[in-house]
Amino acid sequence: MYKYLISMLTVLLLALPVSFARADDYDATISIFKSAGASSGFFNSAYGYAVFPTIGKGGFVVGGAYGEGRVYQRGKYVGDTSVVQVTAGWQLGGQAYSQIIFFEDQRAFNEFTGGNFEFGAEASAVAITAGASASASTTGSSAGASGTNKSATTVGAYYKGTATFTVAKGGLMYAATLGGQKFSYTPRR
């Protein structure tokens, strides 16, 4: 049974609509979060942040997510990061979303860039809702919203030195899962 679940997860991860982000993808994603209500204020006060233009998520009982991003310290690009999420529980579908994680201070930044940072099931993200048809849900450390990026609004605060925001890019995911996100970090050369 375990081998079957691993095989299914591998197939799902390979089927996710994740592409490698270009520099302009990062600029566009940062622009979305800078114009989205409360998340915009975090750029002025945060010690640093990690931005993921696209995280692809998919699942059928067992699911997963993957995305690549960049880490910024005081607004300067200092390294690359990736996120992996494995979930188990009732879920079906696929989704792509953007995510940003703000670091309140140097301690939180150093914890993230230490290389083995992860969000557990108690972590949550604020879903940026956009437009009248928006709906949002949080499951562990991920969240989703539907609508457009142009009228996004958010409300959020730091929790244990980090604040996380997401905005859905597309797809449909039904999920009641338990799982966390694990991040890796590589300094820029």
C-alpha atoms as a PDB file:
ATOM      1  CA  MET A   1       0.000   0.000   0.000  1.00  0.00           C
ATOM      2  CA  TYR A   2       2.828   2.392   0.899  1.00  0.00           C
ATOM      3  CA  LYS A   3       4.503   1.884  -2.507  1.00  0.00           C
ATOM      4  CA  TYR A   4       1.169   2.540  -4.231  1.00  0.00           C
ATOM      5  CA  LEU A   5       0.733   5.850  -2.370  1.00  0.00           C
ATOM      6  CA  ILE A   6       4.287   6.940  -3.184  1.00  0.00           C
ATOM      7  CA  SER A   7       3.708   6.065  -6.859  1.00  0.00           C
ATOM      8  CA  MET A   8       0.458   8.059  -6.916  1.00  0.00           C
ATOM      9  CA  LEU A   9       2.141  11.036  -5.258  1.00  0.00           C
ATOM     10  CA  THR A  10       4.984  10.953  -7.767  1.00  0.00           C
ATOM     11  CA  VAL A  11       2.531  10.929 -10.690  1.00  0.00           C
ATOM     12  CA  LEU A  12       0.584  13.825  -9.169  1.00  0.00           C
ATOM     13  CA  LEU A  13       3.683  15.913  -8.594  1.00  0.00           C
ATOM     14  CA  LEU A  14       4.831  15.337 -12.170  1.00  0.00           C
ATOM     15  CA  ALA A  15       1.421  16.412 -13.444  1.00  0.00           C
ATOM     16  CA  LEU A  16       1.389  19.710 -11.545  1.00  0.00           C
ATOM     17  CA  PRO A  17       1.375  22.822 -13.709  1.00  0.00           C
ATOM     18  CA  VAL A  18       4.611  24.244 -12.292  1.00  0.00           C
ATOM     19  CA  SER A  19       6.978  26.157 -14.506  1.00  0.00           C
ATOM     20  CA  PHE A  20      10.285  27.766 -13.728  1.00  0.00           C
ATOM     21  CA  ALA A  21       9.759  31.390 -12.810  1.00  0.00           C
ATOM     22  CA  ARG A  22      11.458  34.211 -14.675  1.00  0.00           C
ATOM     23  CA  ALA A  23      12.639  37.452 -13.099  1.00  0.00           C
ATOM     24  CA  ASP A  24       9.556  39.309 -14.359  1.00  0.00           C
ATOM     25  CA  ASP A  25       7.344  36.659 -12.693  1.00  0.00           C
ATOM     26  CA  TYR A  26       8.885  37.610  -9.353  1.00  0.00           C
ATOM     27  CA  ASP A  27       8.380  41.324 -10.015  1.00  0.00           C
ATOM     28  CA  ALA A  28       4.751  40.762 -11.026  1.00  0.00           C
ATOM     29  CA  THR A  29       4.047  38.590  -7.973  1.00  0.00           C
ATOM     30  CA  ILE A  30       5.645  41.087  -5.603  1.00  0.00           C
ATOM     31  CA  SER A  31       3.568  43.827  -7.239  1.00  0.00           C
ATOM     32  CA  ILE A  32       0.363  41.874  -6.557  1.00  0.00           C
ATOM     33  CA  PHE A  33       1.216  41.526  -2.871  1.00  0.00           C
ATOM     34  CA  LYS A  34       2.341  45.177  -2.619  1.00  0.00           C
ATOM     35  CA  SER A  35      -1.077  46.319  -3.843  1.00  0.00           C
ATOM     36  CA  ALA A  36      -3.115  43.917  -1.694  1.00  0.00           C
ATOM     37  CA  GLY A  37      -4.323  45.558   1.501  1.00  0.00           C
ATOM     38  CA  ALA A  38      -2.475  44.572   4.681  1.00  0.00           C
ATOM     39  CA  SER A  39       0.244  42.591   2.894  1.00  0.00           C
ATOM     40  CA  SER A  40       1.485  45.840   1.342  1.00  0.00           C
ATOM     41  CA  GLY A  41       2.443  47.229   4.761  1.00  0.00           C
ATOM     42  CA  PHE A  42       4.670  44.256   5.496  1.00  0.00           C
ATOM     43  CA  PHE A  43       7.137  45.316   2.788  1.00  0.00           C
ATOM     44  CA  ASN A  44       7.999  48.449   4.785  1.00  0.00           C
ATOM     45  CA  SER A  45       8.529  46.750   8.136  1.00  0.00           C
ATOM     46  CA  ALA A  46       9.668  43.177   7.387  1.00  0.00           C
ATOM     47  CA  TYR A  47      13.305  42.187   7.754  1.00  0.00           C
ATOM     48  CA  GLY A  48      12.915  40.016   4.654  1.00  0.00           C
ATOM     49  CA  TYR A  49      10.551  37.838   2.653  1.00  0.00           C
ATOM     50  CA  ALA A  50      10.357  34.781   0.399  1.00  0.00           C
ATOM     51  CA  VAL A  51       8.177  34.943  -2.695  1.00  0.00           C
ATOM     52  CA  PHE A  52       6.860  32.050  -4.798  1.00  0.00           C
ATOM     53  CA  PRO A  53       5.270  33.133  -8.117  1.00  0.00           C
ATOM     54  CA  THR A  54       3.680  29.705  -8.652  1.00  0.00           C
ATOM     55  CA  ILE A  55       3.152  26.762  -6.348  1.00  0.00           C
ATOM     56  CA  GLY A  56       1.367  23.849  -7.976  1.00  0.00           C
ATOM     57  CA  LYS A  57      -0.753  21.635  -5.767  1.00  0.00           C
ATOM     58  CA  GLY A  58      -2.578  18.445  -6.669  1.00  0.00           C
ATOM     59  CA  GLY A  59      -4.109  15.516  -4.937  1.00  0.00           C
ATOM     60  CA  PHE A  60      -6.247  12.425  -5.024  1.00  0.00           C
ATOM     61  CA  VAL A  61      -6.345  11.092  -1.425  1.00  0.00           C
ATOM     62  CA  VAL A  62      -2.567  11.667  -1.227  1.00  0.00           C
ATOM     63  CA  GLY A  63      -1.397  15.001  -2.526  1.00  0.00           C
ATOM     64  CA  GLY A  64       1.552  17.241  -2.913  1.00  0.00           C
ATOM     65  CA  ALA A  65       2.703  20.689  -3.840  1.00  0.00           C
ATOM     66  CA  TYR A  66       5.918  22.164  -5.195  1.00  0.00           C
ATOM     67  CA  GLY A  67       7.192  25.617  -6.039  1.00  0.00           C
ATOM     68  CA  GLU A  68      10.375  27.600  -6.460  1.00  0.00           C
ATOM     69  CA  GLY A  69      11.015  31.072  -5.131  1.00  0.00           C
ATOM     70  CA  ARG A  70      13.443  33.781  -4.136  1.00  0.00           C
ATOM     71  CA  VAL A  71      14.435  35.139  -0.750  1.00  0.00           C
ATOM     72  CA  TYR A  72      14.924  38.858  -0.147  1.00  0.00           C
ATOM     73  CA  GLN A  73      16.662  40.532   2.805  1.00  0.00           C
ATOM     74  CA  ARG A  74      15.808  44.213   3.262  1.00  0.00           C
ATOM     75  CA  GLY A  75      14.561  44.242  -0.358  1.00  0.00           C
ATOM     76  CA  LYS A  76      17.731  42.671  -1.837  1.00  0.00           C
ATOM     77  CA  TYR A  77      17.634  39.263  -3.570  1.00  0.00           C
ATOM     78  CA  VAL A  78      19.920  36.998  -1.483  1.00  0.00           C
ATOM     79  CA  GLY A  79      19.023  33.406  -2.382  1.00  0.00           C
ATOM     80  CA  ASP A  80      16.723  30.802  -3.831  1.00  0.00           C
ATOM     81  CA  THR A  81      14.191  28.625  -2.073  1.00  0.00           C
ATOM     82  CA  SER A  82      11.829  25.794  -2.849  1.00  0.00           C
ATOM     83  CA  VAL A  83       8.785  24.413  -1.086  1.00  0.00           C
ATOM     84  CA  VAL A  84       7.482  20.859  -0.929  1.00  0.00           C
ATOM     85  CA  GLN A  85       4.226  19.823   0.684  1.00  0.00           C
ATOM     86  CA  VAL A  86       2.869  16.321   1.151  1.00  0.00           C
ATOM     87  CA  THR A  87      -0.684  15.867   2.392  1.00  0.00           C
ATOM     88  CA  ALA A  88      -2.882  12.933   3.319  1.00  0.00           C
ATOM     89  CA  GLY A  89      -6.640  13.013   3.735  1.00  0.00           C
ATOM     90  CA  TRP A  90      -9.682  13.691   1.605  1.00  0.00           C
ATOM     91  CA  GLN A  91      -8.643  15.776  -1.406  1.00  0.00           C
ATOM     92  CA  LEU A  92      -9.251  15.926  -5.117  1.00  0.00           C
ATOM     93  CA  GLY A  93      -8.090  18.308  -7.810  1.00  0.00           C
ATOM     94  CA  GLY A  94      -5.307  20.698  -8.599  1.00  0.00           C
ATOM     95  CA  GLN A  95      -4.515  24.325  -7.929  1.00  0.00           C
ATOM     96  CA  ALA A  96      -1.821  26.891  -8.648  1.00  0.00           C
ATOM     97  CA  TYR A  97      -1.215  29.797  -6.291  1.00  0.00           C
ATOM     98  CA  SER A  98       1.330  32.467  -5.408  1.00  0.00           C
ATOM     99  CA  GLN A  99       2.696  32.747  -1.881  1.00  0.00           C
ATOM    100  CA  ILE A 100       4.772  35.225   0.098  1.00  0.00           C
ATOM    101  CA  ILE A 101       6.263  34.724   3.557  1.00  0.00           C
ATOM    102  CA  PHE A 102       7.380  37.782   5.506  1.00  0.00           C
ATOM    103  CA  PHE A 103      10.054  37.552   8.215  1.00  0.00           C
ATOM    104  CA  GLU A 104       9.480  39.935  11.091  1.00  0.00           C
ATOM    105  CA  ASP A 105      13.104  40.091  12.254  1.00  0.00           C
ATOM    106  CA  GLN A 106      16.583  38.681  11.727  1.00  0.00           C
ATOM    107  CA  ARG A 107      15.838  35.683  13.973  1.00  0.00           C
ATOM    108  CA  ALA A 108      12.900  34.579  11.789  1.00  0.00           C
ATOM    109  CA  PHE A 109      14.934  35.229   8.620  1.00  0.00           C
ATOM    110  CA  ASN A 110      17.874  33.182   9.936  1.00  0.00           C
ATOM    111  CA  GLU A 111      15.532  30.369  10.937  1.00  0.00           C
ATOM    112  CA  PHE A 112      14.153  30.212   7.386  1.00  0.00           C
ATOM    113  CA  THR A 113      17.529  30.490   5.654  1.00  0.00           C
ATOM    114  CA  GLY A 114      19.003  27.842   7.969  1.00  0.00           C
ATOM    115  CA  GLY A 115      17.835  25.294   5.397  1.00  0.00           C
ATOM    116  CA  ASN A 116      15.319  23.147   7.278  1.00  0.00           C
ATOM    117  CA  PHE A 117      12.386  25.478   7.856  1.00  0.00           C
ATOM    118  CA  GLU A 118       8.881  24.058   7.820  1.00  0.00           C
ATOM    119  CA  PHE A 119       5.334  25.011   8.669  1.00  0.00           C
ATOM    120  CA  GLY A 120       3.372  22.478  10.677  1.00  0.00           C
ATOM    121  CA  ALA A 121      -0.354  21.913  10.777  1.00  0.00           C
ATOM    122  CA  GLU A 122      -0.829  24.783  13.248  1.00  0.00           C
ATOM    123  CA  ALA A 123       0.465  27.376  10.781  1.00  0.00           C
ATOM    124  CA  SER A 124      -1.946  29.283   8.602  1.00  0.00           C
ATOM    125  CA  ALA A 125      -1.907  31.646   5.658  1.00  0.00           C
ATOM    126  CA  VAL A 126      -4.133  34.583   4.861  1.00  0.00           C
ATOM    127  CA  ALA A 127      -5.883  34.024   1.550  1.00  0.00           C
ATOM    128  CA  ILE A 128      -6.006  37.157  -0.532  1.00  0.00           C
ATOM    129  CA  THR A 129      -9.570  37.424  -1.682  1.00  0.00           C
ATOM    130  CA  ALA A 130     -10.111  39.118  -4.985  1.00  0.00           C
ATOM    131  CA  GLY A 131     -13.478  40.118  -6.360  1.00  0.00           C
ATOM    132  CA  ALA A 132     -17.032  39.393  -5.305  1.00  0.00           C
ATOM    133  CA  SER A 133     -16.886  35.698  -6.135  1.00  0.00           C
ATOM    134  CA  ALA A 134     -13.924  35.059  -3.861  1.00  0.00           C
ATOM    135  CA  SER A 135     -13.898  32.163  -1.457  1.00  0.00           C
ATOM    136  CA  ALA A 136     -11.078  31.145   0.823  1.00  0.00           C
ATOM    137  CA  SER A 137     -10.032  28.250   2.980  1.00  0.00           C
ATOM    138  CA  THR A 138      -6.978  27.402   5.010  1.00  0.00           C
ATOM    139  CA  THR A 139      -5.567  23.953   5.512  1.00  0.00           C
ATOM    140  CA  GLY A 140      -2.362  23.759   7.468  1.00  0.00           C
ATOM    141  CA  SER A 141      -0.131  26.381   5.959  1.00  0.00           C
ATOM    142  CA  SER A 142      -1.756  26.747   2.590  1.00  0.00           C
ATOM    143  CA  ALA A 143      -4.759  28.718   1.479  1.00  0.00           C
ATOM    144  CA  GLY A 144      -6.672  29.514  -1.666  1.00  0.00           C
ATOM    145  CA  ALA A 145      -8.847  32.223  -3.111  1.00  0.00           C
ATOM    146  CA  SER A 146     -10.661  32.718  -6.375  1.00  0.00           C
ATOM    147  CA  GLY A 147     -11.147  35.879  -8.368  1.00  0.00           C
ATOM    148  CA  THR A 148      -8.765  38.346  -9.956  1.00  0.00           C
ATOM    149  CA  ASN A 149      -5.537  39.828  -8.626  1.00  0.00           C
ATOM    150  CA  LYS A 150      -6.525  43.436  -9.285  1.00  0.00           C
ATOM    151  CA  SER A 151      -8.911  43.972  -6.379  1.00  0.00           C
ATOM    152  CA  ALA A 152      -7.127  41.876  -3.762  1.00  0.00           C
ATOM    153  CA  THR A 153      -7.525  42.690  -0.087  1.00  0.00           C
ATOM    154  CA  THR A 154      -5.900  41.083   2.930  1.00  0.00           C
ATOM    155  CA  VAL A 155      -5.755  41.186   6.702  1.00  0.00           C
ATOM    156  CA  GLY A 156      -2.878  39.502   8.501  1.00  0.00           C
ATOM    157  CA  ALA A 157      -0.382  39.549  11.353  1.00  0.00           C
ATOM    158  CA  TYR A 158       2.877  37.875  12.333  1.00  0.00           C
ATOM    159  CA  TYR A 159       2.754  34.506  14.069  1.00  0.00           C
ATOM    160  CA  LYS A 160       6.043  33.250  15.536  1.00  0.00           C
ATOM    161  CA  GLY A 161       7.956  35.752  13.413  1.00  0.00           C
ATOM    162  CA  THR A 162       6.358  34.998  10.039  1.00  0.00           C
ATOM    163  CA  ALA A 163       3.294  36.146   8.136  1.00  0.00           C
ATOM    164  CA  THR A 164       2.128  34.213   5.073  1.00  0.00           C
ATOM    165  CA  PHE A 165      -0.194  35.337   2.294  1.00  0.00           C
ATOM    166  CA  THR A 166      -1.460  33.458  -0.762  1.00  0.00           C
ATOM    167  CA  VAL A 167      -3.439  34.290  -3.872  1.00  0.00           C
ATOM    168  CA  ALA A 168      -4.942  31.632  -6.148  1.00  0.00           C
ATOM    169  CA  LYS A 169      -3.913  31.621  -9.784  1.00  0.00           C
ATOM    170  CA  GLY A 170      -6.236  28.902 -11.022  1.00  0.00           C
ATOM    171  CA  GLY A 171      -7.585  25.418 -10.579  1.00  0.00           C
ATOM    172  CA  LEU A 172     -10.034  23.807  -8.228  1.00  0.00           C
ATOM    173  CA  MET A 173      -9.107  21.838  -5.148  1.00  0.00           C
ATOM    174  CA  TYR A 174     -11.412  20.138  -2.683  1.00  0.00           C
ATOM    175  CA  ALA A 175      -9.443  19.232   0.404  1.00  0.00           C
ATOM    176  CA  ALA A 176      -9.681  18.325   4.049  1.00  0.00           C
ATOM    177  CA  THR A 177      -6.051  17.430   4.649  1.00  0.00           C
ATOM    178  CA  LEU A 178      -3.308  17.462   7.240  1.00  0.00           C
ATOM    179  CA  GLY A 179       0.166  18.389   6.149  1.00  0.00           C
ATOM    180  CA  GLY A 180       2.816  21.074   6.296  1.00  0.00           C
ATOM    181  CA  GLN A 181       5.195  22.840   3.982  1.00  0.00           C
ATOM    182  CA  LYS A 182       8.951  22.215   4.057  1.00  0.00           C
ATOM    183  CA  PHE A 183      11.345  24.775   2.590  1.00  0.00           C
ATOM    184  CA  SER A 184      14.929  24.600   1.374  1.00  0.00           C
ATOM    185  CA  TYR A 185      17.284  27.559   0.896  1.00  0.00           C
ATOM    186  CA  THR A 186      20.357  28.120  -1.274  1.00  0.00           C
ATOM    187  CA  PRO A 187      22.314  31.411  -0.958  1.00  0.00           C
ATOM    188  CA  ARG A 188      22.752  33.420  -4.159  1.00  0.00           C
ATOM    189  CA  ARG A 189      26.203  33.171  -5.698  1.00  0.00           C
END
